[in-house]
PDB file of all heavy atoms in Angstrom:
ATOM      1  N   CYS A   1       0.862  -1.177  -0.001  1.00  0.00           N
ATOM      2  CA  CYS A   1      -0.001  -0.003  -0.005  1.00  0.00           C
ATOM      3  C   CYS A   1       0.891   1.223  -0.004  1.00  0.00           C
ATOM      4  O   CYS A   1       1.614   1.473   0.971  1.00  0.00           O
ATOM      5  CB  CYS A   1      -0.899  -0.001   1.218  1.00  0.00           C
ATOM      6  SG  CYS A   1      -1.872   1.513   1.425  1.00  0.00           S
ATOM      7  N   ALA A   2       0.857   1.960  -1.089  1.00  0.00           N
ATOM      8  CA  ALA A   2       1.666   3.163  -1.233  1.00  0.00           C
ATOM      9  C   ALA A   2       0.843   4.379  -0.859  1.00  0.00           C
ATOM     10  O   ALA A   2      -0.279   4.557  -1.350  1.00  0.00           O
ATOM     11  CB  ALA A   2       2.167   3.282  -2.668  1.00  0.00           C
ATOM     12  N   ALA A   3       1.408   5.207  -0.002  1.00  0.00           N
ATOM     13  CA  ALA A   3       0.721   6.402   0.478  1.00  0.00           C
ATOM     14  C   ALA A   3       1.346   7.659  -0.119  1.00  0.00           C
ATOM     15  O   ALA A   3       2.564   7.716  -0.331  1.00  0.00           O
ATOM     16  CB  ALA A   3       0.776   6.466   2.000  1.00  0.00           C
ATOM     17  N   SER A   4       0.517   8.651  -0.332  1.00  0.00           N
ATOM     18  CA  SER A   4       1.000   9.953  -0.806  1.00  0.00           C
ATOM     19  C   SER A   4       0.085  11.037  -0.272  1.00  0.00           C
ATOM     20  O   SER A   4      -1.054  10.770   0.132  1.00  0.00           O
ATOM     21  CB  SER A   4       1.039   9.993  -2.335  1.00  0.00           C
ATOM     22  OG  SER A   4      -0.253   9.818  -2.878  1.00  0.00           O
ATOM     23  N   GLY A   5       0.620  12.253  -0.236  1.00  0.00           N
ATOM     24  CA  GLY A   5      -0.199  13.396   0.145  1.00  0.00           C
ATOM     25  C   GLY A   5      -0.177  13.747   1.612  1.00  0.00           C
ATOM     26  O   GLY A   5      -0.881  14.670   2.021  1.00  0.00           O
ATOM     27  N   GLY A   6       0.590  13.051   2.409  1.00  0.00           N
ATOM     28  CA  GLY A   6       0.667  13.366   3.827  1.00  0.00           C
ATOM     29  C   GLY A   6       2.007  12.971   4.402  1.00  0.00           C
ATOM     30  O   GLY A   6       2.883  12.504   3.669  1.00  0.00           O
ATOM     31  N   ILE A   7       2.172  13.160   5.682  1.00  0.00           N
ATOM     32  CA  ILE A   7       3.396  12.736   6.362  1.00  0.00           C
ATOM     33  C   ILE A   7       3.148  11.322   6.862  1.00  0.00           C
ATOM     34  O   ILE A   7       2.403  11.115   7.830  1.00  0.00           O
ATOM     35  CB  ILE A   7       3.752  13.699   7.514  1.00  0.00           C
ATOM     36  CG1 ILE A   7       3.958  15.107   6.952  1.00  0.00           C
ATOM     37  CG2 ILE A   7       4.998  13.200   8.230  1.00  0.00           C
ATOM     38  CD1 ILE A   7       4.173  16.157   8.023  1.00  0.00           C
ATOM     39  N   PHE A   8       3.789  10.363   6.235  1.00  0.00           N
ATOM     40  CA  PHE A   8       3.473   8.967   6.456  1.00  0.00           C
ATOM     41  C   PHE A   8       3.610   8.560   7.924  1.00  0.00           C
ATOM     42  O   PHE A   8       2.803   7.807   8.450  1.00  0.00           O
ATOM     43  CB  PHE A   8       4.365   8.109   5.551  1.00  0.00           C
ATOM     44  CG  PHE A   8       3.995   6.662   5.489  1.00  0.00           C
ATOM     45  CD1 PHE A   8       2.732   6.264   5.061  1.00  0.00           C
ATOM     46  CD2 PHE A   8       4.908   5.680   5.850  1.00  0.00           C
ATOM     47  CE1 PHE A   8       2.401   4.922   5.003  1.00  0.00           C
ATOM     48  CE2 PHE A   8       4.576   4.340   5.785  1.00  0.00           C
ATOM     49  CZ  PHE A   8       3.321   3.964   5.367  1.00  0.00           C
ATOM     50  N   ARG A   9       4.641   9.081   8.571  1.00  0.00           N
ATOM     51  CA  ARG A   9       4.873   8.649   9.957  1.00  0.00           C
ATOM     52  C   ARG A   9       3.815   9.194  10.928  1.00  0.00           C
ATOM     53  O   ARG A   9       3.790   8.795  12.087  1.00  0.00           O
ATOM     54  CB  ARG A   9       6.264   9.066  10.412  1.00  0.00           C
ATOM     55  CG  ARG A   9       6.491  10.566  10.496  1.00  0.00           C
ATOM     56  CD  ARG A   9       7.888  10.887  10.979  1.00  0.00           C
ATOM     57  NE  ARG A   9       8.117  12.325  11.031  1.00  0.00           N
ATOM     58  CZ  ARG A   9       8.547  13.041  10.008  1.00  0.00           C
ATOM     59  NH1 ARG A   9       8.786  12.452   8.846  1.00  0.00           N
ATOM     60  NH2 ARG A   9       8.727  14.333  10.134  1.00  0.00           N
ATOM     61  N   ASP A  10       2.965  10.093  10.469  1.00  0.00           N
ATOM     62  CA  ASP A  10       1.882  10.598  11.304  1.00  0.00           C
ATOM     63  C   ASP A  10       0.695   9.644  11.394  1.00  0.00           C
ATOM     64  O   ASP A  10      -0.294   9.935  12.063  1.00  0.00           O
ATOM     65  CB  ASP A  10       1.373  11.941  10.769  1.00  0.00           C
ATOM     66  CG  ASP A  10       2.269  13.100  11.169  1.00  0.00           C
ATOM     67  OD1 ASP A  10       3.121  12.912  12.051  1.00  0.00           O
ATOM     68  OD2 ASP A  10       2.089  14.191  10.592  1.00  0.00           O
ATOM     69  N   TYR A  11       0.808   8.522  10.678  1.00  0.00           N
ATOM     70  CA  TYR A  11      -0.347   7.638  10.565  1.00  0.00           C
ATOM     71  C   TYR A  11      -0.043   6.233  11.066  1.00  0.00           C
ATOM     72  O   TYR A  11       0.974   5.622  10.684  1.00  0.00           O
ATOM     73  CB  TYR A  11      -0.819   7.568   9.114  1.00  0.00           C
ATOM     74  CG  TYR A  11      -1.393   8.870   8.622  1.00  0.00           C
ATOM     75  CD1 TYR A  11      -0.566   9.845   8.084  1.00  0.00           C
ATOM     76  CD2 TYR A  11      -2.762   9.117   8.716  1.00  0.00           C
ATOM     77  CE1 TYR A  11      -1.095  11.062   7.672  1.00  0.00           C
ATOM     78  CE2 TYR A  11      -3.293  10.322   8.296  1.00  0.00           C
ATOM     79  CZ  TYR A  11      -2.459  11.287   7.778  1.00  0.00           C
ATOM     80  OH  TYR A  11      -2.980  12.494   7.361  1.00  0.00           O
ATOM     81  N   VAL A  12      -0.934   5.749  11.899  1.00  0.00           N
ATOM     82  CA  VAL A  12      -1.029   4.309  12.115  1.00  0.00           C
ATOM     83  C   VAL A  12      -1.635   3.723  10.841  1.00  0.00           C
ATOM     84  O   VAL A  12      -2.581   4.282  10.284  1.00  0.00           O
ATOM     85  CB  VAL A  12      -1.935   4.000  13.321  1.00  0.00           C
ATOM     86  CG1 VAL A  12      -2.380   2.561  13.334  1.00  0.00           C
ATOM     87  CG2 VAL A  12      -1.228   4.375  14.629  1.00  0.00           C
ATOM     88  N   MET A  13      -1.077   2.633  10.393  1.00  0.00           N
ATOM     89  CA  MET A  13      -1.556   2.008   9.166  1.00  0.00           C
ATOM     90  C   MET A  13      -2.221   0.672   9.488  1.00  0.00           C
ATOM     91  O   MET A  13      -1.736  -0.100  10.326  1.00  0.00           O
ATOM     92  CB  MET A  13      -0.413   1.804   8.185  1.00  0.00           C
ATOM     93  CG  MET A  13       0.273   3.090   7.760  1.00  0.00           C
ATOM     94  SD  MET A  13      -0.846   4.241   6.942  1.00  0.00           S
ATOM     95  CE  MET A  13      -1.308   3.313   5.478  1.00  0.00           C
ATOM     96  N   GLY A  14      -3.310   0.421   8.798  1.00  0.00           N
ATOM     97  CA  GLY A  14      -4.036  -0.823   9.043  1.00  0.00           C
ATOM     98  C   GLY A  14      -4.421  -1.519   7.757  1.00  0.00           C
ATOM     99  O   GLY A  14      -4.462  -0.906   6.688  1.00  0.00           O
ATOM    100  N   TRP A  15      -4.694  -2.802   7.891  1.00  0.00           N
ATOM    101  CA  TRP A  15      -5.263  -3.597   6.805  1.00  0.00           C
ATOM    102  C   TRP A  15      -6.599  -4.171   7.287  1.00  0.00           C
ATOM    103  O   TRP A  15      -6.703  -4.681   8.417  1.00  0.00           O
ATOM    104  CB  TRP A  15      -4.335  -4.744   6.404  1.00  0.00           C
ATOM    105  CG  TRP A  15      -3.138  -4.325   5.641  1.00  0.00           C
ATOM    106  CD1 TRP A  15      -1.875  -4.095   6.115  1.00  0.00           C
ATOM    107  CD2 TRP A  15      -3.065  -4.111   4.209  1.00  0.00           C
ATOM    108  NE1 TRP A  15      -1.032  -3.731   5.082  1.00  0.00           N
ATOM    109  CE2 TRP A  15      -1.737  -3.737   3.917  1.00  0.00           C
ATOM    110  CE3 TRP A  15      -3.985  -4.187   3.165  1.00  0.00           C
ATOM    111  CZ2 TRP A  15      -1.312  -3.447   2.611  1.00  0.00           C
ATOM    112  CZ3 TRP A  15      -3.575  -3.901   1.883  1.00  0.00           C
ATOM    113  CH2 TRP A  15      -2.254  -3.531   1.615  1.00  0.00           C
ATOM    114  N   PHE A  16      -7.589  -4.070   6.431  1.00  0.00           N
ATOM    115  CA  PHE A  16      -8.895  -4.644   6.687  1.00  0.00           C
ATOM    116  C   PHE A  16      -9.269  -5.499   5.477  1.00  0.00           C
ATOM    117  O   PHE A  16      -8.630  -5.421   4.425  1.00  0.00           O
ATOM    118  CB  PHE A  16      -9.938  -3.536   6.862  1.00  0.00           C
ATOM    119  CG  PHE A  16      -9.792  -2.750   8.126  1.00  0.00           C
ATOM    120  CD1 PHE A  16      -8.791  -1.798   8.270  1.00  0.00           C
ATOM    121  CD2 PHE A  16     -10.652  -2.960   9.195  1.00  0.00           C
ATOM    122  CE1 PHE A  16      -8.644  -1.082   9.455  1.00  0.00           C
ATOM    123  CE2 PHE A  16     -10.526  -2.249  10.381  1.00  0.00           C
ATOM    124  CZ  PHE A  16      -9.508  -1.307  10.500  1.00  0.00           C
ATOM    125  N   ARG A  17     -10.303  -6.305   5.630  1.00  0.00           N
ATOM    126  CA  ARG A  17     -10.784  -7.089   4.492  1.00  0.00           C
ATOM    127  C   ARG A  17     -12.293  -7.244   4.572  1.00  0.00           C
ATOM    128  O   ARG A  17     -12.886  -7.202   5.642  1.00  0.00           O
ATOM    129  CB  ARG A  17     -10.112  -8.464   4.462  1.00  0.00           C
ATOM    130  CG  ARG A  17     -10.433  -9.353   5.658  1.00  0.00           C
ATOM    131  CD  ARG A  17      -9.570 -10.614   5.637  1.00  0.00           C
ATOM    132  NE  ARG A  17      -9.812 -11.438   6.807  1.00  0.00           N
ATOM    133  CZ  ARG A  17      -9.049 -12.473   7.164  1.00  0.00           C
ATOM    134  NH1 ARG A  17      -7.998 -12.815   6.425  1.00  0.00           N
ATOM    135  NH2 ARG A  17      -9.347 -13.167   8.240  1.00  0.00           N
ATOM    136  N   ARG A  18     -12.883  -7.389   3.392  1.00  0.00           N
ATOM    137  CA  ARG A  18     -14.330  -7.647   3.300  1.00  0.00           C
ATOM    138  C   ARG A  18     -14.541  -8.864   2.419  1.00  0.00           C
ATOM    139  O   ARG A  18     -14.274  -8.805   1.214  1.00  0.00           O
ATOM    140  CB  ARG A  18     -15.081  -6.450   2.742  1.00  0.00           C
ATOM    141  CG  ARG A  18     -16.589  -6.612   2.813  1.00  0.00           C
ATOM    142  CD  ARG A  18     -17.296  -5.593   1.937  1.00  0.00           C
ATOM    143  NE  ARG A  18     -16.982  -4.242   2.285  1.00  0.00           N
ATOM    144  CZ  ARG A  18     -17.646  -3.509   3.183  1.00  0.00           C
ATOM    145  NH1 ARG A  18     -18.660  -4.057   3.831  1.00  0.00           N
ATOM    146  NH2 ARG A  18     -17.320  -2.255   3.397  1.00  0.00           N
ATOM    147  N   ALA A  19     -15.027  -9.927   3.024  1.00  0.00           N
ATOM    148  CA  ALA A  19     -15.346 -11.136   2.278  1.00  0.00           C
ATOM    149  C   ALA A  19     -16.744 -11.003   1.689  1.00  0.00           C
ATOM    150  O   ALA A  19     -17.560 -10.228   2.193  1.00  0.00           O
ATOM    151  CB  ALA A  19     -15.256 -12.346   3.204  1.00  0.00           C
ATOM    152  N   PRO A  20     -17.040 -11.759   0.653  1.00  0.00           N
ATOM    153  CA  PRO A  20     -18.361 -11.693   0.035  1.00  0.00           C
ATOM    154  C   PRO A  20     -19.485 -11.942   1.054  1.00  0.00           C
ATOM    155  O   PRO A  20     -19.446 -12.935   1.789  1.00  0.00           O
ATOM    156  CB  PRO A  20     -18.325 -12.802  -1.015  1.00  0.00           C
ATOM    157  CG  PRO A  20     -16.888 -12.942  -1.347  1.00  0.00           C
ATOM    158  CD  PRO A  20     -16.141 -12.675  -0.077  1.00  0.00           C
ATOM    159  N   GLY A  21     -20.419 -11.018   1.133  1.00  0.00           N
ATOM    160  CA  GLY A  21     -21.557 -11.183   2.026  1.00  0.00           C
ATOM    161  C   GLY A  21     -21.279 -10.913   3.485  1.00  0.00           C
ATOM    162  O   GLY A  21     -22.138 -11.145   4.340  1.00  0.00           O
ATOM    163  N   LYS A  22     -20.083 -10.409   3.783  1.00  0.00           N
ATOM    164  CA  LYS A  22     -19.724 -10.155   5.174  1.00  0.00           C
ATOM    165  C   LYS A  22     -19.327  -8.707   5.370  1.00  0.00           C
ATOM    166  O   LYS A  22     -19.064  -7.977   4.421  1.00  0.00           O
ATOM    167  CB  LYS A  22     -18.575 -11.074   5.598  1.00  0.00           C
ATOM    168  CG  LYS A  22     -18.942 -12.553   5.601  1.00  0.00           C
ATOM    169  CD  LYS A  22     -17.820 -13.381   6.186  1.00  0.00           C
ATOM    170  CE  LYS A  22     -18.214 -14.854   6.267  1.00  0.00           C
ATOM    171  NZ  LYS A  22     -17.124 -15.680   6.867  1.00  0.00           N
ATOM    172  N   GLU A  23     -19.273  -8.305   6.630  1.00  0.00           N
ATOM    173  CA  GLU A  23     -18.841  -6.958   6.951  1.00  0.00           C
ATOM    174  C   GLU A  23     -17.312  -6.865   6.882  1.00  0.00           C
ATOM    175  O   GLU A  23     -16.607  -7.868   7.000  1.00  0.00           O
ATOM    176  CB  GLU A  23     -19.317  -6.580   8.358  1.00  0.00           C
ATOM    177  CG  GLU A  23     -20.817  -6.457   8.481  1.00  0.00           C
ATOM    178  CD  GLU A  23     -21.241  -5.932   9.849  1.00  0.00           C
ATOM    179  OE1 GLU A  23     -20.384  -5.807  10.723  1.00  0.00           O
ATOM    180  OE2 GLU A  23     -22.450  -5.660  10.011  1.00  0.00           O
ATOM    181  N   ARG A  24     -16.860  -5.640   6.703  1.00  0.00           N
ATOM    182  CA  ARG A  24     -15.421  -5.415   6.698  1.00  0.00           C
ATOM    183  C   ARG A  24     -14.855  -5.708   8.091  1.00  0.00           C
ATOM    184  O   ARG A  24     -15.453  -5.337   9.097  1.00  0.00           O
ATOM    185  CB  ARG A  24     -15.144  -3.954   6.309  1.00  0.00           C
ATOM    186  CG  ARG A  24     -13.680  -3.625   6.119  1.00  0.00           C
ATOM    187  CD  ARG A  24     -13.507  -2.328   5.375  1.00  0.00           C
ATOM    188  NE  ARG A  24     -14.172  -1.202   6.025  1.00  0.00           N
ATOM    189  CZ  ARG A  24     -14.339  -0.016   5.466  1.00  0.00           C
ATOM    190  NH1 ARG A  24     -13.878   0.198   4.241  1.00  0.00           N
ATOM    191  NH2 ARG A  24     -14.954   0.959   6.123  1.00  0.00           N
ATOM    192  N   GLU A  25     -13.698  -6.366   8.105  1.00  0.00           N
ATOM    193  CA  GLU A  25     -13.106  -6.741   9.387  1.00  0.00           C
ATOM    194  C   GLU A  25     -11.634  -6.341   9.452  1.00  0.00           C
ATOM    195  O   GLU A  25     -10.942  -6.265   8.429  1.00  0.00           O
ATOM    196  CB  GLU A  25     -13.237  -8.246   9.633  1.00  0.00           C
ATOM    197  CG  GLU A  25     -12.455  -9.110   8.670  1.00  0.00           C
ATOM    198  CD  GLU A  25     -12.412 -10.580   9.091  1.00  0.00           C
ATOM    199  OE1 GLU A  25     -12.813 -10.903  10.232  1.00  0.00           O
ATOM    200  OE2 GLU A  25     -11.950 -11.397   8.287  1.00  0.00           O
ATOM    201  N   PHE A  26     -11.203  -6.107  10.659  1.00  0.00           N
ATOM    202  CA  PHE A  26      -9.807  -5.752  10.930  1.00  0.00           C
ATOM    203  C   PHE A  26      -8.904  -6.959  10.686  1.00  0.00           C
ATOM    204  O   PHE A  26      -9.248  -8.085  11.048  1.00  0.00           O
ATOM    205  CB  PHE A  26      -9.687  -5.293  12.377  1.00  0.00           C
ATOM    206  CG  PHE A  26      -8.280  -5.134  12.864  1.00  0.00           C
ATOM    207  CD1 PHE A  26      -7.533  -4.022  12.508  1.00  0.00           C
ATOM    208  CD2 PHE A  26      -7.700  -6.093  13.680  1.00  0.00           C
ATOM    209  CE1 PHE A  26      -6.227  -3.865  12.961  1.00  0.00           C
ATOM    210  CE2 PHE A  26      -6.403  -5.952  14.136  1.00  0.00           C
ATOM    211  CZ  PHE A  26      -5.661  -4.828  13.783  1.00  0.00           C
ATOM    212  N   VAL A  27      -7.741  -6.702  10.107  1.00  0.00           N
ATOM    213  CA  VAL A  27      -6.745  -7.756   9.894  1.00  0.00           C
ATOM    214  C   VAL A  27      -5.484  -7.470  10.692  1.00  0.00           C
ATOM    215  O   VAL A  27      -5.037  -8.316  11.473  1.00  0.00           O
ATOM    216  CB  VAL A  27      -6.398  -7.909   8.402  1.00  0.00           C
ATOM    217  CG1 VAL A  27      -5.303  -8.963   8.211  1.00  0.00           C
ATOM    218  CG2 VAL A  27      -7.630  -8.259   7.585  1.00  0.00           C
ATOM    219  N   ALA A  28      -4.909  -6.281  10.508  1.00  0.00           N
ATOM    220  CA  ALA A  28      -3.643  -5.965  11.164  1.00  0.00           C
ATOM    221  C   ALA A  28      -3.446  -4.459  11.186  1.00  0.00           C
ATOM    222  O   ALA A  28      -4.018  -3.730  10.378  1.00  0.00           O
ATOM    223  CB  ALA A  28      -2.482  -6.630  10.434  1.00  0.00           C
ATOM    224  N   ALA A  29      -2.595  -4.008  12.120  1.00  0.00           N
ATOM    225  CA  ALA A  29      -2.241  -2.597  12.203  1.00  0.00           C
ATOM    226  C   ALA A  29      -0.814  -2.467  12.695  1.00  0.00           C
ATOM    227  O   ALA A  29      -0.283  -3.372  13.351  1.00  0.00           O
ATOM    228  CB  ALA A  29      -3.199  -1.843  13.122  1.00  0.00           C
ATOM    229  N   ILE A  30      -0.220  -1.299  12.399  1.00  0.00           N
ATOM    230  CA  ILE A  30       1.177  -1.062  12.778  1.00  0.00           C
ATOM    231  C   ILE A  30       1.359   0.393  13.140  1.00  0.00           C
ATOM    232  O   ILE A  30       0.761   1.277  12.528  1.00  0.00           O
ATOM    233  CB  ILE A  30       2.105  -1.490  11.611  1.00  0.00           C
ATOM    234  CG1 ILE A  30       3.574  -1.462  12.030  1.00  0.00           C
ATOM    235  CG2 ILE A  30       1.872  -0.629  10.375  1.00  0.00           C
ATOM    236  CD1 ILE A  30       4.490  -2.154  11.033  1.00  0.00           C
ATOM    237  N   ASN A  31       2.185   0.655  14.152  1.00  0.00           N
ATOM    238  CA  ASN A  31       2.400   2.030  14.587  1.00  0.00           C
ATOM    239  C   ASN A  31       3.395   2.728  13.672  1.00  0.00           C
ATOM    240  O   ASN A  31       3.961   2.140  12.751  1.00  0.00           O
ATOM    241  CB  ASN A  31       2.842   2.069  16.041  1.00  0.00           C
ATOM    242  CG  ASN A  31       4.284   1.602  16.216  1.00  0.00           C
ATOM    243  OD1 ASN A  31       4.752   0.726  15.497  1.00  0.00           O
ATOM    244  ND2 ASN A  31       4.983   2.188  17.180  1.00  0.00           N
ATOM    245  N   TRP A  32       3.658   3.999  13.959  1.00  0.00           N
ATOM    246  CA  TRP A  32       4.447   4.817  13.045  1.00  0.00           C
ATOM    247  C   TRP A  32       5.876   4.312  12.885  1.00  0.00           C
ATOM    248  O   TRP A  32       6.445   4.416  11.802  1.00  0.00           O
ATOM    249  CB  TRP A  32       4.460   6.267  13.515  1.00  0.00           C
ATOM    250  CG  TRP A  32       5.288   6.502  14.739  1.00  0.00           C
ATOM    251  CD1 TRP A  32       4.920   6.304  16.037  1.00  0.00           C
ATOM    252  CD2 TRP A  32       6.643   6.968  14.778  1.00  0.00           C
ATOM    253  NE1 TRP A  32       5.949   6.614  16.886  1.00  0.00           N
ATOM    254  CE2 TRP A  32       7.021   7.030  16.154  1.00  0.00           C
ATOM    255  CE3 TRP A  32       7.566   7.347  13.818  1.00  0.00           C
ATOM    256  CZ2 TRP A  32       8.286   7.455  16.559  1.00  0.00           C
ATOM    257  CZ3 TRP A  32       8.825   7.775  14.211  1.00  0.00           C
ATOM    258  CH2 TRP A  32       9.176   7.824  15.573  1.00  0.00           C
ATOM    259  N   ARG A  33       6.418   3.767  13.966  1.00  0.00           N
ATOM    260  CA  ARG A  33       7.818   3.345  13.910  1.00  0.00           C
ATOM    261  C   ARG A  33       7.978   1.908  13.419  1.00  0.00           C
ATOM    262  O   ARG A  33       9.073   1.473  13.104  1.00  0.00           O
ATOM    263  CB  ARG A  33       8.448   3.507  15.289  1.00  0.00           C
ATOM    264  CG  ARG A  33       9.963   3.480  15.301  1.00  0.00           C
ATOM    265  CD  ARG A  33      10.513   4.131  16.554  1.00  0.00           C
ATOM    266  NE  ARG A  33       9.932   3.594  17.778  1.00  0.00           N
ATOM    267  CZ  ARG A  33      10.175   4.103  18.982  1.00  0.00           C
ATOM    268  NH1 ARG A  33      10.947   5.167  19.108  1.00  0.00           N
ATOM    269  NH2 ARG A  33       9.631   3.568  20.051  1.00  0.00           N
ATOM    270  N   GLY A  34       6.854   1.182  13.410  1.00  0.00           N
ATOM    271  CA  GLY A  34       6.914  -0.190  12.936  1.00  0.00           C
ATOM    272  C   GLY A  34       7.290  -1.200  13.986  1.00  0.00           C
ATOM    273  O   GLY A  34       7.525  -2.367  13.662  1.00  0.00           O
ATOM    274  N   ASP A  35       7.330  -0.794  15.252  1.00  0.00           N
ATOM    275  CA  ASP A  35       7.750  -1.721  16.293  1.00  0.00           C
ATOM    276  C   ASP A  35       6.608  -2.219  17.154  1.00  0.00           C
ATOM    277  O   ASP A  35       6.820  -3.041  18.069  1.00  0.00           O
ATOM    278  CB  ASP A  35       8.830  -1.086  17.182  1.00  0.00           C
ATOM    279  CG  ASP A  35       8.372   0.192  17.856  1.00  0.00           C
ATOM    280  OD1 ASP A  35       7.312   0.730  17.475  1.00  0.00           O
ATOM    281  OD2 ASP A  35       9.080   0.673  18.760  1.00  0.00           O
ATOM    282  N   ILE A  36       5.402  -1.756  16.864  1.00  0.00           N
ATOM    283  CA  ILE A  36       4.214  -2.248  17.569  1.00  0.00           C
ATOM    284  C   ILE A  36       3.182  -2.654  16.526  1.00  0.00           C
ATOM    285  O   ILE A  36       2.863  -1.874  15.622  1.00  0.00           O
ATOM    286  CB  ILE A  36       3.619  -1.175  18.498  1.00  0.00           C
ATOM    287  CG1 ILE A  36       4.641  -0.798  19.582  1.00  0.00           C
ATOM    288  CG2 ILE A  36       2.331  -1.674  19.146  1.00  0.00           C
ATOM    289  CD1 ILE A  36       4.194   0.340  20.466  1.00  0.00           C
ATOM    290  N   THR A  37       2.699  -3.869  16.645  1.00  0.00           N
ATOM    291  CA  THR A  37       1.735  -4.398  15.689  1.00  0.00           C
ATOM    292  C   THR A  37       0.585  -5.073  16.424  1.00  0.00           C
ATOM    293  O   THR A  37       0.696  -5.440  17.596  1.00  0.00           O
ATOM    294  CB  THR A  37       2.380  -5.411  14.731  1.00  0.00           C
ATOM    295  OG1 THR A  37       2.967  -6.483  15.496  1.00  0.00           O
ATOM    296  CG2 THR A  37       3.462  -4.760  13.883  1.00  0.00           C
ATOM    297  N   ASP A  38      -0.501  -5.251  15.709  1.00  0.00           N
ATOM    298  CA  ASP A  38      -1.654  -5.950  16.242  1.00  0.00           C
ATOM    299  C   ASP A  38      -2.291  -6.737  15.110  1.00  0.00           C
ATOM    300  O   ASP A  38      -2.278  -6.291  13.951  1.00  0.00           O
ATOM    301  CB  ASP A  38      -2.657  -4.964  16.844  1.00  0.00           C
ATOM    302  CG  ASP A  38      -3.760  -5.658  17.634  1.00  0.00           C
ATOM    303  OD1 ASP A  38      -3.588  -6.842  18.014  1.00  0.00           O
ATOM    304  OD2 ASP A  38      -4.812  -5.021  17.858  1.00  0.00           O
ATOM    305  N   TYR A  39      -2.827  -7.904  15.445  1.00  0.00           N
ATOM    306  CA  TYR A  39      -3.428  -8.777  14.448  1.00  0.00           C
ATOM    307  C   TYR A  39      -4.735  -9.339  14.976  1.00  0.00           C
ATOM    308  O   TYR A  39      -4.884  -9.591  16.176  1.00  0.00           O
ATOM    309  CB  TYR A  39      -2.508  -9.952  14.112  1.00  0.00           C
ATOM    310  CG  TYR A  39      -1.179  -9.574  13.527  1.00  0.00           C
ATOM    311  CD1 TYR A  39      -0.073  -9.358  14.351  1.00  0.00           C
ATOM    312  CD2 TYR A  39      -1.012  -9.445  12.158  1.00  0.00           C
ATOM    313  CE1 TYR A  39       1.156  -9.011  13.816  1.00  0.00           C
ATOM    314  CE2 TYR A  39       0.210  -9.098  11.612  1.00  0.00           C
ATOM    315  CZ  TYR A  39       1.292  -8.892  12.460  1.00  0.00           C
ATOM    316  OH  TYR A  39       2.506  -8.541  11.917  1.00  0.00           O
ATOM    317  N   THR A  40      -5.651  -9.595  14.076  1.00  0.00           N
ATOM    318  CA  THR A  40      -6.802 -10.378  14.469  1.00  0.00           C
ATOM    319  C   THR A  40      -6.336 -11.803  14.739  1.00  0.00           C
ATOM    320  O   THR A  40      -5.359 -12.280  14.132  1.00  0.00           O
ATOM    321  CB  THR A  40      -7.897 -10.335  13.382  1.00  0.00           C
ATOM    322  OG1 THR A  40      -9.097 -10.891  13.895  1.00  0.00           O
ATOM    323  CG2 THR A  40      -7.477 -11.087  12.131  1.00  0.00           C
ATOM    324  N   ASP A  41      -7.000 -12.473  15.656  1.00  0.00           N
ATOM    325  CA  ASP A  41      -6.521 -13.782  16.111  1.00  0.00           C
ATOM    326  C   ASP A  41      -6.345 -14.788  14.982  1.00  0.00           C
ATOM    327  O   ASP A  41      -5.410 -15.593  15.002  1.00  0.00           O
ATOM    328  CB  ASP A  41      -7.480 -14.342  17.159  1.00  0.00           C
ATOM    329  CG  ASP A  41      -7.361 -13.647  18.498  1.00  0.00           C
ATOM    330  OD1 ASP A  41      -6.382 -12.919  18.708  1.00  0.00           O
ATOM    331  OD2 ASP A  41      -8.273 -13.821  19.338  1.00  0.00           O
TER     332      ASP A  41
END
């Protein structure tokens, strides 16, 4: 995922997904420095 138009390190970045017929769900996220992450189980 390539970002433009802002200061990238100002943003926590996340990944979500939407399967057919389902709601969008959280997959993973990462802090600005890249040393803290979170994942769905």
